[in-house]
Amino acid sequence: MIHRLIISFILVFRSLGFSEDLQVKMLTKSFADVPIVGRVHHLQTTYLAKNQRNIIQTTSIERGFFSFMAGVFSDVKDTTGTLIDAAGQAWDYNINDKEYWIPSEDTETDENSDEEDSKRYEYTISSDSDGQSKDENKIISVSRIGHNEMEDIHGFRTKKWTTTLQLSEFKVIIDEWAVDELSLLRIADSLNREILRSRGAPDSLVAMMRYGSGLSNNEMILGLTKMDSVYNEYDVVPIPGEIIKGDVRMFKDNSDDPHVNFGTEVVELYAENYDEKRFTIPDDYELVD
């Protein structure tokens, strides 16, 4: 069903170019295992049209045993969104409270800058005065293998790739599933990049936010700079096609259990008739300061 919809709309896009009568809907699902807290689930629906975007996010927490016993967290489920309407106005909103507001300047700055985000990650390869990586973060080996069997994920025929980065203090294993070609994802990526650039996002952020590039190429997530150079140095072959699912596990002290575990995947990808309501705040929402 998904493939039939995708193919039919791709023919329309290719023959007519992008039409303002169409929009792209993408549903992604992510998770992260947080110590003590438990597993955090993140469901994101993104609607994209010409110079318009609406991102709806639902976060829930699957409490772990220790969190449950300590009563640290009750069940959390909240749905929020960010929207850019046809006039170019950005809005933040909360579906649970039916409220919306203009994002603060700090929020817009955070959206358009990856400098602060990159500081959130501890696994950084830094250099000394001689330009050499410090011993505690020295790369020992990097490898990537492609698995022979094909896997069906949400209607997509995919091939699995595993990338392993061994550093002196920890090891990173990244499993990713790629499709040969997904033209609709390229269209969604093009629409999103156009919006990012129009709002003054730096080229580094635009490149990092590319749909389908995978987690193994995301320098901010890995905390490792110049990944292309690293892969070239170790003769790691690029993953062909578009990556629609990725899982990351980080291990410390030769442990068999990861101390960091997170992942994301594309669940649905459709082209639809343009719906103005997807890019406007509902009338019954209250504007708050």
Foldseek 3Di string as FASTA:
>chain_A
DQVVQLVVVVVVCVVPNADQQKKKKWWKKKWKQDPQAGIKIKIWIWIFGALKIKIKIWIWTDGDPNCVVVVVDDTDIWIKMWIQAPVRFIKIGTPVQLAIEGDDPVVLVVVQDCPVLLVVDDLAFDADPVRATDQQFAWDAKEKDKDDDWDAALNATWTKMWIWTDGPFKIKIKIWIFHQERVLLVVVLVRVLVNSVVSPRDPVVNVLPGAQQDDQPRCSVNNYPPSVVVCVVNVYDGDHHGTFKMKMFMGGPPDPHGPIIMMMGINHMGMDGDDSVSRDRDPPGHYDD
